Amino acid sequence: MGIFQLFIAASVPVLKVLIVTGVGAFIATDYIGVLDKEARKHLNNVVFYVFNPALVATNLSRTITLESVVLLWFMPINILLTFLIGSAFGWVLIQITKAPHQLRGLILGCCAAGNLGNMLLITVPATCKEKGSPFGAPDVCSKYGIAYASLSMAIGAVFLWSYVYNIVRISSRRIEEKQNSIDQVPKLESTVDCTKLIPGNCTNVKDIETSSALVTCKDDCEITQPLSAGYSTKKKVSLLQNKKSAINFRNLLSPSTIGVIVGFTVGVIAPIRNILIVEGAPLHVIQDSASLISDGAIPSLTLILGGNLLQGLRGSSIRASVIIGVIVVRYLLLPLVGIAIVKGAVLLGLVHADPLYQFVLLVQYALPPAMNIGTITQLFGAGESECSVLFLWTYALASVALTLWSTYFMWLVS
C-alpha cells in the first residue's frame, strides 16, 4: 500500500475531529452561547457518568474474552511506560526551562498522561472505515479497535487519577504551604507596638540592636516578649488524614473504570455472555439499549473539546519555551521511544502479530495531553489558565503530528 493512501487514511479521521471540534468552539463563543461554560459542565457530566461507561462496557463485552485477555496483557505495561518516560522527559524540561513552581505539576502531567481514551475512540474506528486502511474488514476492525481504545481509556484513567492527580496535588500543596509561611511572618503595624517591645531602661537609640527576629538591648537587657505568640506553634495534621488524601479513590474508581469491570465480567464469563451478547440472546435488548446510549459519547466529547480549547485563546501568558518543550516531548521524543519499545516487544514475542493492536500501542505514545488534566488543575486551582493555553497549542498541532505519526505507524505495521 502506498504512502499517499496511508496518509489519506490517517488524515481523514483527524480532519473529522477538527471539523467537529471547530463546531464545538463556534457554538461555545459568546456570540452563539449554546455551549457556554455551564452547558459544557452539564454535558461533561452526562458524558462522564452515562455515555463513556456505556461505550466502554458495550464494546468490551462484545470483543473481550478469556483468550483475548491473555493476548492483551502488554497494554497496561505499555501505558505505564508512557507515564514513566513522559515524567522523566517532563522533569528534564522543568530543569532546562526553570519553570515556576506553580506550573511544575502541570508540566509533568502534560508530559506523562496522553489522551488515551477519547482520541483513540475517535480516530481508530474512523481509520478502520477508510478505504486505504491496512487493518482488514471495516466492521471487524472497528469492533476490535473500539475495544482496544476502551481498554486503553480505562487503564489510562487509573494511572491518571492515581499518579498525575497526586503530582498536581503535591505541587499545589507546596505552593500553598509556601504562601502560608509568607503570610504568617509577623508584622509590627505601628510605632505603638514597637515601643511595647522595648524595655524602659533602653532610652538611647544606639543602645538598641535589631535582628531579623528579635530586638535586643546592649546593656544586658534582652526582650523576652515574643513577636508572635502563636508563630512557632502549628497544628499537626494526622498521618491518617494525609494517607486518605494521598489517592482520590472516588476518582480512581471512575464510571469508565466501572464500565470496564462490567464489560470484562460480561465478556469473560460465558453464561452471562450467552444471556446478553451472543446472537439470539434472551436479554440482548439490554446490550442494544446500552449500545444506543453509547453512540452519544464520541460527538459529545469532541464538542466539549472544542469548547474547552476556546479558553486557551483567553488564557494567561505562559513561556514559549515551556509550550515548545511539551510539544517536543509529546510529538517527537515519546513517539521515537515508543517505536523502539513496541518493535522490541514484537521481536521478543511479547506482543501478538495483530497490526491493529500494534498500531494502538504505537499511537499511545503520540497523543496530546489528557483532557482530565484540566479537571485536576481546576480542582486544586494550580495553573488553570496556563493549562488552557497548553491545550490550545498541543491540540492544534495534534492535527499535523498525529496524522504524520499515524501514517508512519500504519506503514510500520502493515
Protein backbone atom coordinates (compact mmCIF):
# COMPACT_ATOMS: atom_id res chain seq x y z
CA MET A 1 0.00 0.00 0.00
CA GLY A 2 1.39 3.43 -0.97
CA ILE A 3 2.42 6.14 1.48
CA PHE A 4 -0.11 8.57 -0.03
CA GLN A 5 -3.01 6.17 0.57
CA LEU A 6 -1.86 5.65 4.15
CA PHE A 7 -1.59 9.43 4.61
CA ILE A 8 -5.17 9.89 3.39
CA ALA A 9 -6.39 7.09 5.66
CA ALA A 10 -4.63 8.72 8.63
CA SER A 11 -5.61 12.32 7.88
CA VAL A 12 -9.36 11.86 7.32
CA PRO A 13 -10.13 10.82 10.93
CA VAL A 14 -8.12 13.75 12.29
CA LEU A 15 -9.89 16.07 9.84
CA LYS A 16 -13.26 14.82 11.12
CA VAL A 17 -12.15 15.58 14.67
CA LEU A 18 -11.05 19.08 13.65
CA ILE A 19 -14.40 19.83 11.96
CA VAL A 20 -16.49 18.71 14.94
CA THR A 21 -14.07 20.46 17.32
CA GLY A 22 -14.50 23.63 15.28
CA VAL A 23 -18.27 23.33 15.62
CA GLY A 24 -17.86 22.94 19.39
CA ALA A 25 -15.65 26.02 19.57
CA PHE A 26 -18.08 28.04 17.43
CA ILE A 27 -21.18 27.27 19.49
CA ALA A 28 -19.16 27.97 22.66
CA THR A 29 -18.43 31.58 21.64
CA ASP A 30 -20.19 34.45 23.36
CA TYR A 31 -21.95 35.27 20.08
CA ILE A 32 -23.73 31.87 19.93
CA GLY A 33 -23.65 30.95 23.62
CA VAL A 34 -25.10 27.44 23.22
CA LEU A 35 -22.11 25.56 24.67
CA ASP A 36 -21.04 28.01 27.35
CA LYS A 37 -19.15 27.04 30.49
CA GLU A 38 -22.26 25.91 32.36
CA ALA A 39 -23.56 23.89 29.39
CA ARG A 40 -20.17 22.19 28.95
CA LYS A 41 -20.16 21.31 32.63
CA HIS A 42 -23.57 19.59 32.42
CA LEU A 43 -22.79 17.86 29.12
CA ASN A 44 -19.46 16.70 30.53
CA ASN A 45 -21.30 15.15 33.49
CA VAL A 46 -23.59 13.24 31.12
CA VAL A 47 -20.58 12.01 29.14
CA PHE A 48 -18.63 11.11 32.28
CA TYR A 49 -21.44 9.30 34.11
CA VAL A 50 -23.55 7.88 31.24
CA PHE A 51 -22.06 7.89 27.72
CA ASN A 52 -18.48 6.81 28.44
CA PRO A 53 -19.33 3.90 30.79
CA ALA A 54 -21.91 2.63 28.29
CA LEU A 55 -19.42 2.90 25.42
CA VAL A 56 -16.66 1.11 27.33
CA ALA A 57 -18.90 -1.64 28.73
CA THR A 58 -20.70 -2.48 25.48
CA ASN A 59 -17.58 -2.65 23.33
CA LEU A 60 -15.52 -4.61 25.84
CA SER A 61 -18.31 -7.11 26.47
CA ARG A 62 -18.64 -7.74 22.72
CA THR A 63 -14.94 -8.22 22.00
CA ILE A 64 -13.14 -9.27 25.20
CA THR A 65 -12.96 -12.97 26.00
CA LEU A 66 -10.76 -15.01 28.31
CA GLU A 67 -8.46 -15.79 25.38
CA SER A 68 -8.11 -12.15 24.30
CA VAL A 69 -7.28 -11.04 27.86
CA VAL A 70 -4.20 -13.25 27.72
CA LEU A 71 -3.18 -11.62 24.43
CA LEU A 72 -3.65 -8.02 25.68
CA TRP A 73 -1.51 -8.25 28.84
CA PHE A 74 1.18 -5.95 27.40
CA MET A 75 -1.11 -2.91 27.09
CA PRO A 76 -1.08 -1.96 30.82
CA ILE A 77 2.73 -2.19 30.81
CA ASN A 78 2.91 -0.07 27.67
CA ILE A 79 0.69 2.63 29.19
CA LEU A 80 2.71 2.61 32.41
CA LEU A 81 5.87 3.14 30.35
CA THR A 82 4.30 6.16 28.60
CA PHE A 83 3.64 7.72 32.02
CA LEU A 84 7.10 6.98 33.45
CA ILE A 85 9.10 8.01 30.38
CA GLY A 86 6.94 11.11 29.88
CA SER A 87 7.53 12.09 33.52
CA ALA A 88 11.29 11.73 33.05
CA PHE A 89 11.20 13.97 29.97
CA GLY A 90 8.98 16.43 31.87
CA TRP A 91 11.47 16.61 34.75
CA VAL A 92 14.28 17.37 32.29
CA LEU A 93 12.10 20.06 30.67
CA ILE A 94 11.50 21.69 34.07
CA GLN A 95 15.25 21.79 34.76
CA ILE A 96 16.01 23.30 31.35
CA THR A 97 13.25 25.94 31.30
CA LYS A 98 13.43 26.75 35.05
CA ALA A 99 9.64 26.64 35.11
CA PRO A 100 7.94 28.30 38.12
CA HIS A 101 6.80 26.04 40.95
CA GLN A 102 3.10 26.52 40.28
CA LEU A 103 3.49 25.04 36.77
CA ARG A 104 5.70 22.04 37.56
CA GLY A 105 2.85 19.67 38.36
CA LEU A 106 1.04 20.76 35.19
CA ILE A 107 4.15 20.23 33.03
CA LEU A 108 4.81 16.78 34.48
CA GLY A 109 1.16 15.83 33.98
CA CYS A 110 1.04 17.02 30.36
CA CYS A 111 4.26 15.15 29.52
CA ALA A 112 3.19 11.96 31.31
CA ALA A 113 -0.51 11.49 30.51
CA GLY A 114 -1.76 11.30 26.95
CA ASN A 115 -5.38 11.32 25.80
CA LEU A 116 -5.52 7.52 25.89
CA GLY A 117 -9.28 7.22 25.64
CA ASN A 118 -11.13 9.94 23.78
CA MET A 119 -8.70 10.46 20.88
CA LEU A 120 -8.34 6.72 20.29
CA LEU A 121 -12.11 6.22 20.46
CA ILE A 122 -12.50 8.87 17.76
CA THR A 123 -9.56 8.18 15.44
CA VAL A 124 -9.20 4.37 15.48
CA PRO A 125 -12.77 3.50 14.32
CA ALA A 126 -12.62 6.28 11.72
CA THR A 127 -9.29 4.93 10.44
CA CYS A 128 -10.83 1.46 10.12
CA LYS A 129 -13.60 2.79 7.87
CA GLU A 130 -11.20 4.39 5.37
CA LYS A 131 -10.56 2.53 2.11
CA GLY A 132 -6.79 2.76 2.45
CA SER A 133 -6.73 1.22 5.92
CA PRO A 134 -4.39 -1.80 6.27
CA PHE A 135 -6.48 -3.36 9.06
CA GLY A 136 -8.88 -5.52 7.07
CA ALA A 137 -12.68 -5.50 7.05
CA PRO A 138 -14.03 -2.18 8.41
CA ASP A 139 -16.66 -3.74 10.70
CA VAL A 140 -14.26 -6.20 12.35
CA CYS A 141 -11.53 -3.56 12.58
CA SER A 142 -13.88 -1.02 14.13
CA LYS A 143 -15.20 -3.52 16.68
CA TYR A 144 -11.76 -4.54 17.90
CA GLY A 145 -10.37 -1.02 17.57
CA ILE A 146 -13.02 0.37 19.93
CA ALA A 147 -12.34 -2.49 22.34
CA TYR A 148 -8.61 -1.67 22.38
CA ALA A 149 -9.39 2.03 22.79
CA SER A 150 -11.87 1.31 25.60
CA LEU A 151 -9.31 -0.77 27.48
CA SER A 152 -6.76 1.99 26.91
CA MET A 153 -9.19 4.56 28.32
CA ALA A 154 -9.81 2.53 31.48
CA ILE A 155 -6.15 1.80 32.20
CA GLY A 156 -5.23 5.41 31.45
CA ALA A 157 -7.91 6.65 33.87
CA VAL A 158 -6.47 4.52 36.68
CA PHE A 159 -2.95 5.87 36.13
CA LEU A 160 -4.19 9.44 35.64
CA TRP A 161 -6.16 9.61 38.89
CA SER A 162 -3.57 7.76 40.96
CA TYR A 163 -0.37 9.26 39.51
CA VAL A 164 -0.92 12.62 37.80
CA TYR A 165 -3.58 13.60 40.35
CA ASN A 166 -1.03 13.25 43.17
CA ILE A 167 1.71 15.05 41.25
CA VAL A 168 -0.52 18.12 40.84
CA ARG A 169 -1.80 17.76 44.43
CA ILE A 170 1.71 17.70 45.92
CA SER A 171 2.82 20.59 43.71
CA SER A 172 -0.17 22.75 44.69
CA ARG A 173 0.26 21.89 48.38
CA ARG A 174 3.89 23.07 48.35
CA ILE A 175 2.82 26.36 46.79
CA GLU A 176 0.07 26.75 49.40
CA GLU A 177 2.46 25.99 52.28
CA LYS A 178 4.98 28.48 50.93
CA GLN A 179 2.27 31.14 50.66
CA ASN A 180 1.04 30.39 54.19
CA SER A 181 4.56 30.70 55.60
CA ILE A 182 4.91 34.10 53.94
CA ASP A 183 1.52 35.22 55.28
CA GLN A 184 2.47 34.12 58.81
CA VAL A 185 5.57 36.34 59.06
CA PRO A 186 4.75 38.78 61.90
CA LYS A 187 4.44 42.42 61.04
CA LEU A 188 4.53 45.35 63.51
CA GLU A 189 1.69 47.57 62.43
CA SER A 190 2.53 50.79 64.29
CA THR A 191 5.12 52.57 66.39
CA VAL A 192 2.98 51.86 69.46
CA ASP A 193 3.60 48.16 69.00
CA CYS A 194 7.33 48.81 68.70
CA THR A 195 7.57 50.74 71.95
CA LYS A 196 5.83 47.92 73.81
CA LEU A 197 8.63 45.59 72.78
CA ILE A 198 11.47 47.88 74.04
CA PRO A 199 12.26 47.86 77.77
CA GLY A 200 12.04 51.15 79.60
CA ASN A 201 15.74 51.23 80.57
CA CYS A 202 16.80 51.32 76.89
CA THR A 203 16.50 55.06 76.28
CA ASN A 204 19.27 55.59 73.76
CA VAL A 205 18.76 54.53 70.17
CA LYS A 206 22.40 53.46 69.99
CA ASP A 207 21.81 51.01 72.84
CA ILE A 208 19.34 49.03 70.75
CA GLU A 209 20.36 46.28 68.33
CA THR A 210 17.99 44.66 65.90
CA SER A 211 17.98 41.28 64.20
CA SER A 212 15.59 39.53 61.86
CA ALA A 213 13.53 38.01 64.66
CA LEU A 214 14.49 39.80 67.89
CA VAL A 215 15.09 43.27 69.27
CA THR A 216 17.81 43.41 71.97
CA CYS A 217 19.38 45.99 74.22
CA LYS A 218 23.15 46.28 74.72
CA ASP A 219 23.24 46.63 78.47
CA ASP A 220 22.22 43.01 79.08
CA CYS A 221 18.58 43.93 78.72
CA GLU A 222 17.02 41.40 76.35
CA ILE A 223 13.42 41.48 75.32
CA THR A 224 11.69 38.33 76.45
CA GLN A 225 8.33 39.03 74.82
CA PRO A 226 7.99 37.05 71.56
CA LEU A 227 6.97 38.88 68.41
CA SER A 228 4.08 36.49 67.78
CA ALA A 229 2.84 34.18 70.46
CA GLY A 230 1.39 31.61 68.10
CA TYR A 231 4.04 31.84 65.38
CA SER A 232 6.12 28.85 66.45
CA THR A 233 3.19 26.55 67.23
CA LYS A 234 1.36 24.83 64.38
CA LYS A 235 -1.39 22.28 64.34
CA LYS A 236 -0.16 18.84 63.33
CA VAL A 237 -2.11 17.02 60.66
CA SER A 238 -2.51 13.33 61.40
CA LEU A 239 -0.76 10.74 59.24
CA LEU A 240 -4.07 9.01 58.61
CA GLN A 241 -5.57 12.14 57.04
CA ASN A 242 -2.53 12.56 54.81
CA LYS A 243 -2.84 8.98 53.60
CA LYS A 244 -6.56 9.39 52.95
CA SER A 245 -5.91 12.39 50.73
CA ALA A 246 -2.92 10.77 49.01
CA ILE A 247 -5.11 8.95 46.48
CA ASN A 248 -8.56 10.04 45.39
CA PHE A 249 -10.21 6.61 45.45
CA ARG A 250 -13.53 8.01 44.26
CA ASN A 251 -11.96 9.31 41.06
CA LEU A 252 -9.77 6.21 40.79
CA LEU A 253 -12.93 4.08 40.57
CA SER A 254 -14.44 6.32 37.92
CA PRO A 255 -17.60 5.40 35.96
CA SER A 256 -15.43 4.40 32.97
CA THR A 257 -13.45 2.04 35.21
CA ILE A 258 -16.71 0.54 36.47
CA GLY A 259 -17.75 0.16 32.83
CA VAL A 260 -14.54 -1.77 32.18
CA ILE A 261 -15.25 -4.07 35.13
CA VAL A 262 -18.78 -4.71 33.84
CA GLY A 263 -17.54 -5.24 30.28
CA PHE A 264 -14.84 -7.67 31.39
CA THR A 265 -17.28 -9.58 33.59
CA VAL A 266 -19.87 -9.96 30.83
CA GLY A 267 -17.27 -10.81 28.18
CA VAL A 268 -15.17 -13.29 30.15
CA ILE A 269 -17.92 -15.21 32.00
CA ALA A 270 -19.52 -17.43 29.36
CA PRO A 271 -23.02 -17.86 30.94
CA ILE A 272 -23.53 -14.09 31.24
CA ARG A 273 -22.19 -13.59 27.72
CA ASN A 274 -24.65 -16.16 26.35
CA ILE A 275 -27.56 -14.34 28.00
CA LEU A 276 -26.64 -10.82 26.85
CA ILE A 277 -24.23 -10.80 23.90
CA VAL A 278 -24.40 -13.75 21.52
CA GLU A 279 -26.80 -13.77 18.59
CA GLY A 280 -30.32 -14.64 19.73
CA ALA A 281 -29.52 -13.96 23.41
CA PRO A 282 -32.72 -13.69 25.51
CA LEU A 283 -31.67 -10.39 27.11
CA HIS A 284 -29.96 -8.83 24.08
CA VAL A 285 -32.27 -5.80 24.43
CA ILE A 286 -30.16 -4.66 27.41
CA GLN A 287 -26.99 -4.73 25.32
CA ASP A 288 -28.76 -2.97 22.44
CA SER A 289 -30.04 -0.21 24.74
CA ALA A 290 -26.59 0.35 26.25
CA SER A 291 -25.11 0.47 22.75
CA LEU A 292 -27.70 3.09 21.73
CA ILE A 293 -26.74 5.26 24.71
CA SER A 294 -23.04 4.88 23.93
CA ASP A 295 -23.49 6.39 20.45
CA GLY A 296 -23.65 9.85 22.03
CA ALA A 297 -20.19 9.62 23.61
CA ILE A 298 -17.84 10.47 20.74
CA PRO A 299 -19.70 13.50 19.25
CA SER A 300 -20.32 14.93 22.74
CA LEU A 301 -16.66 14.51 23.72
CA THR A 302 -15.50 16.25 20.56
CA LEU A 303 -17.87 19.20 21.01
CA ILE A 304 -16.72 19.65 24.62
CA LEU A 305 -13.10 19.53 23.45
CA GLY A 306 -13.76 22.40 21.04
CA GLY A 307 -15.42 24.49 23.74
CA ASN A 308 -12.58 23.88 26.20
CA LEU A 309 -9.89 24.77 23.65
CA LEU A 310 -11.58 28.13 23.14
CA GLN A 311 -10.50 29.04 26.68
CA GLY A 312 -6.87 28.83 25.56
CA LEU A 313 -7.36 31.95 23.43
CA ARG A 314 -8.33 33.83 26.59
CA GLY A 315 -5.72 32.19 28.84
CA SER A 316 -2.87 33.92 30.64
CA SER A 317 0.65 34.10 29.28
CA ILE A 318 2.99 31.13 29.59
CA ARG A 319 6.60 30.99 28.47
CA ALA A 320 7.10 29.85 24.89
CA SER A 321 9.93 27.56 25.98
CA VAL A 322 7.51 25.55 28.15
CA ILE A 323 4.96 25.21 25.32
CA ILE A 324 7.65 24.17 22.83
CA GLY A 325 9.14 21.75 25.34
CA VAL A 326 5.83 19.97 25.98
CA ILE A 327 5.20 19.76 22.22
CA VAL A 328 8.68 18.27 21.61
CA VAL A 329 8.18 15.70 24.38
CA ARG A 330 4.71 14.60 23.27
CA TYR A 331 5.15 14.68 19.49
CA LEU A 332 8.83 13.85 18.96
CA LEU A 333 10.61 12.17 21.87
CA LEU A 334 7.82 9.92 23.16
CA PRO A 335 6.86 8.52 19.70
CA LEU A 336 10.51 7.71 18.94
CA VAL A 337 10.89 5.89 22.26
CA GLY A 338 7.54 4.17 21.68
CA ILE A 339 8.67 2.75 18.34
CA ALA A 340 11.73 1.21 19.99
CA ILE A 341 9.66 -0.28 22.85
CA VAL A 342 6.81 -1.72 20.77
CA LYS A 343 9.02 -3.09 17.98
CA GLY A 344 11.32 -4.58 20.62
CA ALA A 345 8.34 -6.23 22.31
CA VAL A 346 7.21 -7.66 18.95
CA LEU A 347 10.67 -9.07 18.25
CA LEU A 348 10.77 -10.67 21.71
CA GLY A 349 7.34 -12.22 21.18
CA LEU A 350 5.67 -10.18 23.94
CA VAL A 351 3.07 -8.69 21.56
CA HIS A 352 1.00 -10.83 19.19
CA ALA A 353 1.06 -10.17 15.47
CA ASP A 354 -2.13 -8.13 15.15
CA PRO A 355 -1.40 -4.97 13.10
CA LEU A 356 -4.30 -3.05 14.68
CA TYR A 357 -3.16 -3.91 18.22
CA GLN A 358 0.42 -2.86 17.45
CA PHE A 359 -0.89 0.34 15.85
CA VAL A 360 -2.85 1.23 19.00
CA LEU A 361 0.22 0.57 21.19
CA LEU A 362 2.30 2.89 19.00
CA VAL A 363 -0.31 5.66 18.85
CA GLN A 364 -0.44 5.70 22.68
CA TYR A 365 2.98 7.42 22.56
CA ALA A 366 1.92 10.15 20.08
CA LEU A 367 -1.24 11.57 21.66
CA PRO A 368 -1.89 15.09 23.03
CA PRO A 369 -2.21 15.56 26.82
CA ALA A 370 -5.20 14.05 28.63
CA MET A 371 -8.17 16.41 28.89
CA ASN A 372 -8.76 15.41 32.52
CA ILE A 373 -5.55 17.24 33.45
CA GLY A 374 -7.63 20.40 33.07
CA THR A 375 -10.15 19.00 35.55
CA ILE A 376 -7.36 18.22 38.03
CA THR A 377 -5.84 21.70 37.79
CA GLN A 378 -9.30 23.21 38.39
CA LEU A 379 -9.64 21.01 41.46
CA PHE A 380 -6.51 22.47 43.07
CA GLY A 381 -6.51 25.90 41.42
CA ALA A 382 -2.96 25.43 40.14
CA GLY A 383 -2.27 26.61 36.58
CA GLU A 384 -5.82 26.58 35.19
CA SER A 385 -5.33 29.31 32.58
CA GLU A 386 -1.85 28.03 31.67
CA CYS A 387 -3.38 24.58 31.13
CA SER A 388 -5.86 26.03 28.61
CA VAL A 389 -3.02 27.69 26.68
CA LEU A 390 -1.01 24.45 26.63
CA PHE A 391 -4.05 22.51 25.43
CA LEU A 392 -4.72 25.04 22.68
CA TRP A 393 -1.25 24.62 21.18
CA THR A 394 -0.87 20.88 21.72
CA TYR A 395 -4.29 20.03 20.29
CA ALA A 396 -3.86 22.46 17.38
CA LEU A 397 -0.60 20.73 16.43
CA ALA A 398 -2.08 17.28 17.06
CA SER A 399 -3.84 17.55 13.70
CA VAL A 400 -0.46 17.54 11.96
CA ALA A 401 1.61 15.43 14.35
CA LEU A 402 -0.96 12.66 14.85
CA THR A 403 -1.61 12.43 11.11
CA LEU A 404 2.09 12.07 10.28
CA TRP A 405 2.80 9.59 13.05
CA SER A 406 -0.34 7.56 12.25
CA THR A 407 0.76 7.36 8.61
CA TYR A 408 4.20 6.12 9.63
CA PHE A 409 2.79 3.68 12.21
CA MET A 410 0.39 2.16 9.65
CA TRP A 411 3.27 1.71 7.22
CA LEU A 412 5.35 0.18 10.02
CA VAL A 413 2.78 -2.48 10.99
CA SER A 414 1.44 -3.26 7.51
